[in-house]
Amino acid sequence: QVEGRDGTIHKYNIPYGARMMVKPGTKVKEGDRLTSRSTPIF
């Protein structure tokens, strides 16, 4: 999840085959890339 300055919380599910590119506790801005590309399931 990403908690905003006003207390707003946005939750995200890591897609299948993707990995986190930002460590927990890091400050992020709107539009920052959080995960790598996911691997599609066939």
PDB file of all heavy atoms in Angstrom:
ATOM      1  N   GLN A   1       0.843  -1.199   0.000  1.00  0.00           N
ATOM      2  CA  GLN A   1       0.000   0.000   0.000  1.00  0.00           C
ATOM      3  C   GLN A   1       0.879   1.251   0.000  1.00  0.00           C
ATOM      4  O   GLN A   1       2.055   1.215   0.360  1.00  0.00           O
ATOM      5  CB  GLN A   1      -0.917   0.024   1.222  1.00  0.00           C
ATOM      6  CG  GLN A   1      -0.187   0.182   2.540  1.00  0.00           C
ATOM      7  CD  GLN A   1      -1.122   0.153   3.727  1.00  0.00           C
ATOM      8  OE1 GLN A   1      -2.225  -0.335   3.615  1.00  0.00           O
ATOM      9  NE2 GLN A   1      -0.669   0.685   4.844  1.00  0.00           N
ATOM     10  N   VAL A   2       0.258   2.365  -0.431  1.00  0.00           N
ATOM     11  CA  VAL A   2       0.884   3.685  -0.408  1.00  0.00           C
ATOM     12  C   VAL A   2      -0.023   4.611   0.398  1.00  0.00           C
ATOM     13  O   VAL A   2      -1.205   4.771   0.061  1.00  0.00           O
ATOM     14  CB  VAL A   2       1.095   4.238  -1.834  1.00  0.00           C
ATOM     15  CG1 VAL A   2       1.664   5.668  -1.768  1.00  0.00           C
ATOM     16  CG2 VAL A   2       2.011   3.331  -2.639  1.00  0.00           C
ATOM     17  N   GLU A   3       0.538   5.178   1.489  1.00  0.00           N
ATOM     18  CA  GLU A   3      -0.227   6.066   2.360  1.00  0.00           C
ATOM     19  C   GLU A   3       0.133   7.509   2.034  1.00  0.00           C
ATOM     20  O   GLU A   3       1.300   7.923   2.090  1.00  0.00           O
ATOM     21  CB  GLU A   3       0.080   5.767   3.827  1.00  0.00           C
ATOM     22  CG  GLU A   3      -0.750   6.598   4.786  1.00  0.00           C
ATOM     23  CD  GLU A   3      -0.499   6.228   6.230  1.00  0.00           C
ATOM     24  OE1 GLU A   3       0.268   5.250   6.451  1.00  0.00           O
ATOM     25  OE2 GLU A   3      -1.042   6.893   7.124  1.00  0.00           O
ATOM     26  N   GLY A   4      -0.884   8.316   1.655  1.00  0.00           N
ATOM     27  CA  GLY A   4      -0.671   9.712   1.292  1.00  0.00           C
ATOM     28  C   GLY A   4      -0.506  10.614   2.500  1.00  0.00           C
ATOM     29  O   GLY A   4      -0.659  10.198   3.655  1.00  0.00           O
ATOM     30  N   ARG A   5      -0.211  11.873   2.242  1.00  0.00           N
ATOM     31  CA  ARG A   5       0.011  12.827   3.323  1.00  0.00           C
ATOM     32  C   ARG A   5      -1.265  13.102   4.116  1.00  0.00           C
ATOM     33  O   ARG A   5      -1.221  13.390   5.316  1.00  0.00           O
ATOM     34  CB  ARG A   5       0.551  14.132   2.736  1.00  0.00           C
ATOM     35  CG  ARG A   5       1.897  13.984   2.027  1.00  0.00           C
ATOM     36  CD  ARG A   5       2.309  15.275   1.358  1.00  0.00           C
ATOM     37  NE  ARG A   5       3.575  15.112   0.623  1.00  0.00           N
ATOM     38  CZ  ARG A   5       4.106  16.076  -0.116  1.00  0.00           C
ATOM     39  NH1 ARG A   5       3.480  17.261  -0.251  1.00  0.00           N
ATOM     40  NH2 ARG A   5       5.253  15.850  -0.745  1.00  0.00           N
ATOM     41  N   ASP A   6      -2.405  13.041   3.449  1.00  0.00           N
ATOM     42  CA  ASP A   6      -3.684  13.288   4.132  1.00  0.00           C
ATOM     43  C   ASP A   6      -4.273  12.023   4.752  1.00  0.00           C
ATOM     44  O   ASP A   6      -5.414  12.031   5.200  1.00  0.00           O
ATOM     45  CB  ASP A   6      -4.684  13.884   3.141  1.00  0.00           C
ATOM     46  CG  ASP A   6      -4.886  12.998   1.919  1.00  0.00           C
ATOM     47  OD1 ASP A   6      -4.134  12.007   1.784  1.00  0.00           O
ATOM     48  OD2 ASP A   6      -5.793  13.287   1.116  1.00  0.00           O
ATOM     49  N   GLY A   7      -3.508  10.946   4.796  1.00  0.00           N
ATOM     50  CA  GLY A   7      -3.987   9.692   5.394  1.00  0.00           C
ATOM     51  C   GLY A   7      -4.671   8.755   4.431  1.00  0.00           C
ATOM     52  O   GLY A   7      -5.102   7.665   4.817  1.00  0.00           O
ATOM     53  N   THR A   8      -4.797   9.152   3.168  1.00  0.00           N
ATOM     54  CA  THR A   8      -5.425   8.273   2.174  1.00  0.00           C
ATOM     55  C   THR A   8      -4.521   7.074   1.889  1.00  0.00           C
ATOM     56  O   THR A   8      -3.308   7.208   1.750  1.00  0.00           O
ATOM     57  CB  THR A   8      -5.671   9.052   0.872  1.00  0.00           C
ATOM     58  OG1 THR A   8      -6.434  10.221   1.166  1.00  0.00           O
ATOM     59  CG2 THR A   8      -6.437   8.196  -0.130  1.00  0.00           C
ATOM     60  N   ILE A   9      -5.132   5.889   1.824  1.00  0.00           N
ATOM     61  CA  ILE A   9      -4.377   4.647   1.598  1.00  0.00           C
ATOM     62  C   ILE A   9      -4.852   4.014   0.298  1.00  0.00           C
ATOM     63  O   ILE A   9      -6.064   3.813   0.107  1.00  0.00           O
ATOM     64  CB  ILE A   9      -4.551   3.671   2.778  1.00  0.00           C
ATOM     65  CG1 ILE A   9      -3.961   4.272   4.054  1.00  0.00           C
ATOM     66  CG2 ILE A   9      -3.903   2.334   2.458  1.00  0.00           C
ATOM     67  CD1 ILE A   9      -4.156   3.395   5.276  1.00  0.00           C
ATOM     68  N   HIS A  10      -3.922   3.700  -0.575  1.00  0.00           N
ATOM     69  CA  HIS A  10      -4.197   2.966  -1.808  1.00  0.00           C
ATOM     70  C   HIS A  10      -3.465   1.629  -1.746  1.00  0.00           C
ATOM     71  O   HIS A  10      -2.248   1.590  -1.538  1.00  0.00           O
ATOM     72  CB  HIS A  10      -3.733   3.774  -3.027  1.00  0.00           C
ATOM     73  CG  HIS A  10      -4.616   4.941  -3.335  1.00  0.00           C
ATOM     74  ND1 HIS A  10      -4.654   5.545  -4.573  1.00  0.00           N
ATOM     75  CD2 HIS A  10      -5.510   5.624  -2.573  1.00  0.00           C
ATOM     76  CE1 HIS A  10      -5.518   6.546  -4.567  1.00  0.00           C
ATOM     77  NE2 HIS A  10      -6.035   6.620  -3.343  1.00  0.00           N
ATOM     78  N   LYS A  11      -4.231   0.530  -1.907  1.00  0.00           N
ATOM     79  CA  LYS A  11      -3.642  -0.814  -1.861  1.00  0.00           C
ATOM     80  C   LYS A  11      -3.448  -1.338  -3.274  1.00  0.00           C
ATOM     81  O   LYS A  11      -4.240  -1.063  -4.176  1.00  0.00           O
ATOM     82  CB  LYS A  11      -4.525  -1.774  -1.052  1.00  0.00           C
ATOM     83  CG  LYS A  11      -4.554  -1.480   0.432  1.00  0.00           C
ATOM     84  CD  LYS A  11      -5.314  -2.556   1.186  1.00  0.00           C
ATOM     85  CE  LYS A  11      -5.281  -2.309   2.687  1.00  0.00           C
ATOM     86  NZ  LYS A  11      -5.995  -3.358   3.451  1.00  0.00           N
ATOM     87  N   TYR A  12      -2.371  -2.129  -3.460  1.00  0.00           N
ATOM     88  CA  TYR A  12      -2.037  -2.691  -4.760  1.00  0.00           C
ATOM     89  C   TYR A  12      -1.692  -4.175  -4.586  1.00  0.00           C
ATOM     90  O   TYR A  12      -1.098  -4.575  -3.583  1.00  0.00           O
ATOM     91  CB  TYR A  12      -0.847  -1.974  -5.400  1.00  0.00           C
ATOM     92  CG  TYR A  12      -1.012  -0.471  -5.518  1.00  0.00           C
ATOM     93  CD1 TYR A  12      -0.621   0.364  -4.469  1.00  0.00           C
ATOM     94  CD2 TYR A  12      -1.531   0.103  -6.665  1.00  0.00           C
ATOM     95  CE1 TYR A  12      -0.748   1.744  -4.570  1.00  0.00           C
ATOM     96  CE2 TYR A  12      -1.670   1.483  -6.777  1.00  0.00           C
ATOM     97  CZ  TYR A  12      -1.284   2.292  -5.719  1.00  0.00           C
ATOM     98  OH  TYR A  12      -1.420   3.646  -5.828  1.00  0.00           O
ATOM     99  N   ASN A  13      -2.044  -4.965  -5.583  1.00  0.00           N
ATOM    100  CA  ASN A  13      -1.650  -6.374  -5.644  1.00  0.00           C
ATOM    101  C   ASN A  13      -0.513  -6.517  -6.653  1.00  0.00           C
ATOM    102  O   ASN A  13      -0.617  -6.029  -7.790  1.00  0.00           O
ATOM    103  CB  ASN A  13      -2.813  -7.273  -6.061  1.00  0.00           C
ATOM    104  CG  ASN A  13      -3.894  -7.327  -5.017  1.00  0.00           C
ATOM    105  OD1 ASN A  13      -3.600  -7.344  -3.825  1.00  0.00           O
ATOM    106  ND2 ASN A  13      -5.151  -7.339  -5.447  1.00  0.00           N
ATOM    107  N   ILE A  14       0.572  -7.167  -6.233  1.00  0.00           N
ATOM    108  CA  ILE A  14       1.701  -7.374  -7.133  1.00  0.00           C
ATOM    109  C   ILE A  14       1.283  -8.376  -8.207  1.00  0.00           C
ATOM    110  O   ILE A  14       0.888  -9.506  -7.895  1.00  0.00           O
ATOM    111  CB  ILE A  14       2.926  -7.895  -6.368  1.00  0.00           C
ATOM    112  CG1 ILE A  14       3.301  -6.915  -5.238  1.00  0.00           C
ATOM    113  CG2 ILE A  14       4.098  -8.101  -7.307  1.00  0.00           C
ATOM    114  CD1 ILE A  14       4.442  -7.397  -4.367  1.00  0.00           C
ATOM    115  N   PRO A  15       1.313  -8.033  -9.484  1.00  0.00           N
ATOM    116  CA  PRO A  15       0.889  -8.953 -10.537  1.00  0.00           C
ATOM    117  C   PRO A  15       1.763 -10.197 -10.576  1.00  0.00           C
ATOM    118  O   PRO A  15       2.902 -10.210 -10.103  1.00  0.00           O
ATOM    119  CB  PRO A  15       1.025  -8.124 -11.820  1.00  0.00           C
ATOM    120  CG  PRO A  15       1.075  -6.697 -11.365  1.00  0.00           C
ATOM    121  CD  PRO A  15       1.715  -6.717 -10.019  1.00  0.00           C
ATOM    122  N   TYR A  16       1.212 -11.251 -11.193  1.00  0.00           N
ATOM    123  CA  TYR A  16       1.941 -12.505 -11.333  1.00  0.00           C
ATOM    124  C   TYR A  16       3.185 -12.282 -12.195  1.00  0.00           C
ATOM    125  O   TYR A  16       3.118 -11.682 -13.268  1.00  0.00           O
ATOM    126  CB  TYR A  16       1.055 -13.574 -11.969  1.00  0.00           C
ATOM    127  CG  TYR A  16       1.772 -14.873 -12.227  1.00  0.00           C
ATOM    128  CD1 TYR A  16       1.938 -15.807 -11.209  1.00  0.00           C
ATOM    129  CD2 TYR A  16       2.307 -15.158 -13.478  1.00  0.00           C
ATOM    130  CE1 TYR A  16       2.600 -16.996 -11.436  1.00  0.00           C
ATOM    131  CE2 TYR A  16       2.968 -16.344 -13.717  1.00  0.00           C
ATOM    132  CZ  TYR A  16       3.121 -17.254 -12.679  1.00  0.00           C
ATOM    133  OH  TYR A  16       3.777 -18.419 -12.915  1.00  0.00           O
ATOM    134  N   GLY A  17       4.340 -12.741 -11.712  1.00  0.00           N
ATOM    135  CA  GLY A  17       5.579 -12.626 -12.467  1.00  0.00           C
ATOM    136  C   GLY A  17       6.297 -11.307 -12.301  1.00  0.00           C
ATOM    137  O   GLY A  17       7.394 -11.135 -12.830  1.00  0.00           O
ATOM    138  N   ALA A  18       5.690 -10.345 -11.566  1.00  0.00           N
ATOM    139  CA  ALA A  18       6.333  -9.046 -11.354  1.00  0.00           C
ATOM    140  C   ALA A  18       7.059  -9.042 -10.016  1.00  0.00           C
ATOM    141  O   ALA A  18       6.793  -9.869  -9.143  1.00  0.00           O
ATOM    142  CB  ALA A  18       5.298  -7.930 -11.397  1.00  0.00           C
ATOM    143  N   ARG A  19       7.990  -8.075  -9.830  1.00  0.00           N
ATOM    144  CA  ARG A  19       8.715  -7.939  -8.579  1.00  0.00           C
ATOM    145  C   ARG A  19       8.711  -6.480  -8.154  1.00  0.00           C
ATOM    146  O   ARG A  19       8.577  -5.566  -8.980  1.00  0.00           O
ATOM    147  CB  ARG A  19      10.159  -8.439  -8.721  1.00  0.00           C
ATOM    148  CG  ARG A  19      10.952  -7.751  -9.804  1.00  0.00           C
ATOM    149  CD  ARG A  19      12.341  -8.347  -9.952  1.00  0.00           C
ATOM    150  NE  ARG A  19      13.091  -7.717 -11.039  1.00  0.00           N
ATOM    151  CZ  ARG A  19      13.748  -6.574 -10.931  1.00  0.00           C
ATOM    152  NH1 ARG A  19      13.756  -5.913  -9.766  1.00  0.00           N
ATOM    153  NH2 ARG A  19      14.399  -6.068 -11.952  1.00  0.00           N
ATOM    154  N   MET A  20       8.869  -6.248  -6.839  1.00  0.00           N
ATOM    155  CA  MET A  20       8.880  -4.886  -6.313  1.00  0.00           C
ATOM    156  C   MET A  20      10.173  -4.179  -6.713  1.00  0.00           C
ATOM    157  O   MET A  20      11.258  -4.748  -6.642  1.00  0.00           O
ATOM    158  CB  MET A  20       8.756  -4.923  -4.785  1.00  0.00           C
ATOM    159  CG  MET A  20       7.381  -5.361  -4.278  1.00  0.00           C
ATOM    160  SD  MET A  20       6.097  -4.163  -4.641  1.00  0.00           S
ATOM    161  CE  MET A  20       6.727  -2.729  -3.779  1.00  0.00           C
ATOM    162  N   MET A  21      10.018  -2.898  -7.148  1.00  0.00           N
ATOM    163  CA  MET A  21      11.182  -2.091  -7.513  1.00  0.00           C
ATOM    164  C   MET A  21      11.443  -0.979  -6.493  1.00  0.00           C
ATOM    165  O   MET A  21      12.419  -0.246  -6.621  1.00  0.00           O
ATOM    166  CB  MET A  21      10.987  -1.469  -8.909  1.00  0.00           C
ATOM    167  CG  MET A  21      10.814  -2.518 -10.010  1.00  0.00           C
ATOM    168  SD  MET A  21      10.695  -1.755 -11.646  1.00  0.00           S
ATOM    169  CE  MET A  21      12.314  -1.011 -11.791  1.00  0.00           C
ATOM    170  N   VAL A  22      10.584  -0.859  -5.482  1.00  0.00           N
ATOM    171  CA  VAL A  22      10.719   0.150  -4.434  1.00  0.00           C
ATOM    172  C   VAL A  22      10.685  -0.551  -3.094  1.00  0.00           C
ATOM    173  O   VAL A  22       9.822  -1.397  -2.859  1.00  0.00           O
ATOM    174  CB  VAL A  22       9.596   1.206  -4.525  1.00  0.00           C
ATOM    175  CG1 VAL A  22       9.773   2.261  -3.435  1.00  0.00           C
ATOM    176  CG2 VAL A  22       9.572   1.859  -5.898  1.00  0.00           C
ATOM    177  N   LYS A  23      11.595  -0.235  -2.211  1.00  0.00           N
ATOM    178  CA  LYS A  23      11.660  -0.862  -0.905  1.00  0.00           C
ATOM    179  C   LYS A  23      10.618  -0.248   0.025  1.00  0.00           C
ATOM    180  O   LYS A  23      10.291   0.946  -0.108  1.00  0.00           O
ATOM    181  CB  LYS A  23      13.050  -0.696  -0.287  1.00  0.00           C
ATOM    182  CG  LYS A  23      14.150  -1.413  -1.058  1.00  0.00           C
ATOM    183  CD  LYS A  23      15.485  -1.253  -0.361  1.00  0.00           C
ATOM    184  CE  LYS A  23      16.583  -1.990  -1.107  1.00  0.00           C
ATOM    185  NZ  LYS A  23      17.904  -1.844  -0.429  1.00  0.00           N
ATOM    186  N   PRO A  24      10.093  -1.049   0.991  1.00  0.00           N
ATOM    187  CA  PRO A  24       9.135  -0.510   1.962  1.00  0.00           C
ATOM    188  C   PRO A  24       9.754   0.639   2.755  1.00  0.00           C
ATOM    189  O   PRO A  24      10.924   0.606   3.146  1.00  0.00           O
ATOM    190  CB  PRO A  24       8.829  -1.716   2.848  1.00  0.00           C
ATOM    191  CG  PRO A  24       9.119  -2.906   2.009  1.00  0.00           C
ATOM    192  CD  PRO A  24      10.264  -2.504   1.134  1.00  0.00           C
ATOM    193  N   GLY A  25       8.949   1.688   2.984  1.00  0.00           N
ATOM    194  CA  GLY A  25       9.413   2.863   3.709  1.00  0.00           C
ATOM    195  C   GLY A  25       9.895   3.980   2.811  1.00  0.00           C
ATOM    196  O   GLY A  25      10.202   5.086   3.294  1.00  0.00           O
ATOM    197  N   THR A  26       9.993   3.724   1.496  1.00  0.00           N
ATOM    198  CA  THR A  26      10.466   4.739   0.555  1.00  0.00           C
ATOM    199  C   THR A  26       9.330   5.695   0.202  1.00  0.00           C
ATOM    200  O   THR A  26       8.190   5.278   0.008  1.00  0.00           O
ATOM    201  CB  THR A  26      10.996   4.062  -0.723  1.00  0.00           C
ATOM    202  OG1 THR A  26      12.004   3.118  -0.369  1.00  0.00           O
ATOM    203  CG2 THR A  26      11.565   5.090  -1.679  1.00  0.00           C
ATOM    204  N   LYS A  27       9.653   6.983   0.094  1.00  0.00           N
ATOM    205  CA  LYS A  27       8.681   7.981  -0.345  1.00  0.00           C
ATOM    206  C   LYS A  27       8.582   7.938  -1.861  1.00  0.00           C
ATOM    207  O   LYS A  27       9.595   7.938  -2.571  1.00  0.00           O
ATOM    208  CB  LYS A  27       9.081   9.379   0.121  1.00  0.00           C
ATOM    209  CG  LYS A  27       9.026   9.578   1.633  1.00  0.00           C
ATOM    210  CD  LYS A  27       9.378  11.003   2.010  1.00  0.00           C
ATOM    211  CE  LYS A  27       9.310  11.207   3.520  1.00  0.00           C
ATOM    212  NZ  LYS A  27       9.624  12.610   3.908  1.00  0.00           N
ATOM    213  N   VAL A  28       7.371   7.923  -2.368  1.00  0.00           N
ATOM    214  CA  VAL A  28       7.142   7.863  -3.812  1.00  0.00           C
ATOM    215  C   VAL A  28       6.248   9.031  -4.214  1.00  0.00           C
ATOM    216  O   VAL A  28       5.531   9.612  -3.392  1.00  0.00           O
ATOM    217  CB  VAL A  28       6.488   6.528  -4.217  1.00  0.00           C
ATOM    218  CG1 VAL A  28       7.397   5.367  -3.935  1.00  0.00           C
ATOM    219  CG2 VAL A  28       5.153   6.347  -3.503  1.00  0.00           C
ATOM    220  N   LYS A  29       6.312   9.378  -5.494  1.00  0.00           N
ATOM    221  CA  LYS A  29       5.476  10.425  -6.050  1.00  0.00           C
ATOM    222  C   LYS A  29       4.484   9.818  -7.027  1.00  0.00           C
ATOM    223  O   LYS A  29       4.666   8.710  -7.514  1.00  0.00           O
ATOM    224  CB  LYS A  29       6.336  11.475  -6.749  1.00  0.00           C
ATOM    225  CG  LYS A  29       7.284  12.230  -5.840  1.00  0.00           C
ATOM    226  CD  LYS A  29       8.077  13.260  -6.614  1.00  0.00           C
ATOM    227  CE  LYS A  29       9.034  14.019  -5.704  1.00  0.00           C
ATOM    228  NZ  LYS A  29       9.803  15.046  -6.452  1.00  0.00           N
ATOM    229  N   GLU A  30       3.457  10.592  -7.303  1.00  0.00           N
ATOM    230  CA  GLU A  30       2.457  10.126  -8.250  1.00  0.00           C
ATOM    231  C   GLU A  30       3.096   9.887  -9.611  1.00  0.00           C
ATOM    232  O   GLU A  30       3.812  10.751 -10.148  1.00  0.00           O
ATOM    233  CB  GLU A  30       1.334  11.161  -8.370  1.00  0.00           C
ATOM    234  CG  GLU A  30       0.208  10.720  -9.286  1.00  0.00           C
ATOM    235  CD  GLU A  30      -0.893  11.755  -9.366  1.00  0.00           C
ATOM    236  OE1 GLU A  30      -0.802  12.795  -8.660  1.00  0.00           O
ATOM    237  OE2 GLU A  30      -1.853  11.526 -10.136  1.00  0.00           O
ATOM    238  N   GLY A  31       2.880   8.701 -10.152  1.00  0.00           N
ATOM    239  CA  GLY A  31       3.441   8.325 -11.437  1.00  0.00           C
ATOM    240  C   GLY A  31       4.722   7.532 -11.344  1.00  0.00           C
ATOM    241  O   GLY A  31       5.215   7.044 -12.372  1.00  0.00           O
ATOM    242  N   ASP A  32       5.301   7.389 -10.132  1.00  0.00           N
ATOM    243  CA  ASP A  32       6.523   6.596  -9.983  1.00  0.00           C
ATOM    244  C   ASP A  32       6.232   5.126 -10.263  1.00  0.00           C
ATOM    245  O   ASP A  32       5.185   4.580  -9.872  1.00  0.00           O
ATOM    246  CB  ASP A  32       7.093   6.750  -8.575  1.00  0.00           C
ATOM    247  CG  ASP A  32       7.771   8.094  -8.383  1.00  0.00           C
ATOM    248  OD1 ASP A  32       7.914   8.827  -9.373  1.00  0.00           O
ATOM    249  OD2 ASP A  32       8.148   8.404  -7.223  1.00  0.00           O
ATOM    250  N   ARG A  33       7.186   4.455 -10.870  1.00  0.00           N
ATOM    251  CA  ARG A  33       7.047   3.033 -11.179  1.00  0.00           C
ATOM    252  C   ARG A  33       7.329   2.215  -9.920  1.00  0.00           C
ATOM    253  O   ARG A  33       8.373   2.395  -9.278  1.00  0.00           O
ATOM    254  CB  ARG A  33       8.014   2.658 -12.292  1.00  0.00           C
ATOM    255  CG  ARG A  33       7.802   1.267 -12.853  1.00  0.00           C
ATOM    256  CD  ARG A  33       8.736   1.053 -14.038  1.00  0.00           C
ATOM    257  NE  ARG A  33       8.577  -0.286 -14.587  1.00  0.00           N
ATOM    258  CZ  ARG A  33       9.301  -0.760 -15.597  1.00  0.00           C
ATOM    259  NH1 ARG A  33      10.216   0.017 -16.165  1.00  0.00           N
ATOM    260  NH2 ARG A  33       9.100  -1.986 -16.040  1.00  0.00           N
ATOM    261  N   LEU A  34       6.405   1.319  -9.561  1.00  0.00           N
ATOM    262  CA  LEU A  34       6.520   0.549  -8.317  1.00  0.00           C
ATOM    263  C   LEU A  34       6.947  -0.898  -8.560  1.00  0.00           C
ATOM    264  O   LEU A  34       7.642  -1.483  -7.742  1.00  0.00           O
ATOM    265  CB  LEU A  34       5.185   0.565  -7.567  1.00  0.00           C
ATOM    266  CG  LEU A  34       4.610   1.950  -7.238  1.00  0.00           C
ATOM    267  CD1 LEU A  34       3.286   1.804  -6.520  1.00  0.00           C
ATOM    268  CD2 LEU A  34       5.598   2.760  -6.403  1.00  0.00           C
ATOM    269  N   THR A  35       6.507  -1.525  -9.636  1.00  0.00           N
ATOM    270  CA  THR A  35       6.838  -2.929  -9.923  1.00  0.00           C
ATOM    271  C   THR A  35       7.346  -3.062 -11.334  1.00  0.00           C
ATOM    272  O   THR A  35       7.158  -2.185 -12.184  1.00  0.00           O
ATOM    273  CB  THR A  35       5.596  -3.838  -9.750  1.00  0.00           C
ATOM    274  OG1 THR A  35       4.637  -3.507 -10.761  1.00  0.00           O
ATOM    275  CG2 THR A  35       4.970  -3.663  -8.384  1.00  0.00           C
ATOM    276  N   SER A  36       8.005  -4.186 -11.595  1.00  0.00           N
ATOM    277  CA  SER A  36       8.450  -4.504 -12.941  1.00  0.00           C
ATOM    278  C   SER A  36       7.275  -5.041 -13.753  1.00  0.00           C
ATOM    279  O   SER A  36       6.168  -5.242 -13.236  1.00  0.00           O
ATOM    280  CB  SER A  36       9.577  -5.530 -12.893  1.00  0.00           C
ATOM    281  OG  SER A  36       9.089  -6.746 -12.338  1.00  0.00           O
ATOM    282  N   ARG A  37       7.526  -5.304 -15.020  1.00  0.00           N
ATOM    283  CA  ARG A  37       6.463  -5.840 -15.869  1.00  0.00           C
ATOM    284  C   ARG A  37       6.111  -7.271 -15.440  1.00  0.00           C
ATOM    285  O   ARG A  37       6.969  -8.035 -15.043  1.00  0.00           O
ATOM    286  CB  ARG A  37       6.905  -5.843 -17.342  1.00  0.00           C
ATOM    287  CG  ARG A  37       7.022  -4.447 -17.933  1.00  0.00           C
ATOM    288  CD  ARG A  37       7.369  -4.540 -19.404  1.00  0.00           C
ATOM    289  NE  ARG A  37       7.431  -3.221 -20.000  1.00  0.00           N
ATOM    290  CZ  ARG A  37       6.373  -2.578 -20.507  1.00  0.00           C
ATOM    291  NH1 ARG A  37       5.187  -3.152 -20.475  1.00  0.00           N
ATOM    292  NH2 ARG A  37       6.511  -1.378 -21.039  1.00  0.00           N
ATOM    293  N   SER A  38       4.844  -7.579 -15.543  1.00  0.00           N
ATOM    294  CA  SER A  38       4.393  -8.924 -15.155  1.00  0.00           C
ATOM    295  C   SER A  38       4.518  -9.883 -16.325  1.00  0.00           C
ATOM    296  O   SER A  38       4.547  -9.483 -17.480  1.00  0.00           O
ATOM    297  CB  SER A  38       2.941  -8.872 -14.679  1.00  0.00           C
ATOM    298  OG  SER A  38       2.091  -8.434 -15.721  1.00  0.00           O
ATOM    299  N   THR A  39       4.582 -11.176 -15.959  1.00  0.00           N
ATOM    300  CA  THR A  39       4.649 -12.235 -16.973  1.00  0.00           C
ATOM    301  C   THR A  39       3.236 -12.746 -17.236  1.00  0.00           C
ATOM    302  O   THR A  39       2.541 -13.173 -16.311  1.00  0.00           O
ATOM    303  CB  THR A  39       5.530 -13.395 -16.479  1.00  0.00           C
ATOM    304  OG1 THR A  39       6.823 -12.884 -16.173  1.00  0.00           O
ATOM    305  CG2 THR A  39       5.637 -14.485 -17.540  1.00  0.00           C
ATOM    306  N   PRO A  40       2.759 -12.710 -18.471  1.00  0.00           N
ATOM    307  CA  PRO A  40       1.388 -13.172 -18.743  1.00  0.00           C
ATOM    308  C   PRO A  40       1.262 -14.678 -18.546  1.00  0.00           C
ATOM    309  O   PRO A  40       2.227 -15.424 -18.685  1.00  0.00           O
ATOM    310  CB  PRO A  40       1.164 -12.775 -20.211  1.00  0.00           C
ATOM    311  CG  PRO A  40       2.540 -12.712 -20.797  1.00  0.00           C
ATOM    312  CD  PRO A  40       3.445 -12.251 -19.698  1.00  0.00           C
ATOM    313  N   ILE A  41       0.035 -15.105 -18.194  1.00  0.00           N
ATOM    314  CA  ILE A  41      -0.264 -16.526 -17.978  1.00  0.00           C
ATOM    315  C   ILE A  41      -1.021 -17.041 -19.192  1.00  0.00           C
ATOM    316  O   ILE A  41      -2.017 -16.454 -19.611  1.00  0.00           O
ATOM    317  CB  ILE A  41      -1.111 -16.727 -16.709  1.00  0.00           C
ATOM    318  CG1 ILE A  41      -0.382 -16.135 -15.498  1.00  0.00           C
ATOM    319  CG2 ILE A  41      -1.421 -18.191 -16.476  1.00  0.00           C
ATOM    320  CD1 ILE A  41      -1.190 -16.201 -14.229  1.00  0.00           C
ATOM    321  N   PHE A  42      -0.541 -18.135 -19.780  1.00  0.00           N
ATOM    322  CA  PHE A  42      -1.196 -18.738 -20.921  1.00  0.00           C
ATOM    323  C   PHE A  42      -1.791 -20.080 -20.485  1.00  0.00           C
ATOM    324  O   PHE A  42      -1.113 -20.901 -19.871  1.00  0.00           O
ATOM    325  CB  PHE A  42      -0.206 -18.945 -22.079  1.00  0.00           C
ATOM    326  CG  PHE A  42       0.339 -17.655 -22.632  1.00  0.00           C
ATOM    327  CD1 PHE A  42       1.579 -17.180 -22.218  1.00  0.00           C
ATOM    328  CD2 PHE A  42      -0.392 -16.920 -23.557  1.00  0.00           C
ATOM    329  CE1 PHE A  42       2.082 -15.984 -22.726  1.00  0.00           C
ATOM    330  CE2 PHE A  42       0.107 -15.726 -24.065  1.00  0.00           C
ATOM    331  CZ  PHE A  42       1.338 -15.261 -23.645  1.00  0.00           C
TER     332      PHE A  42
END
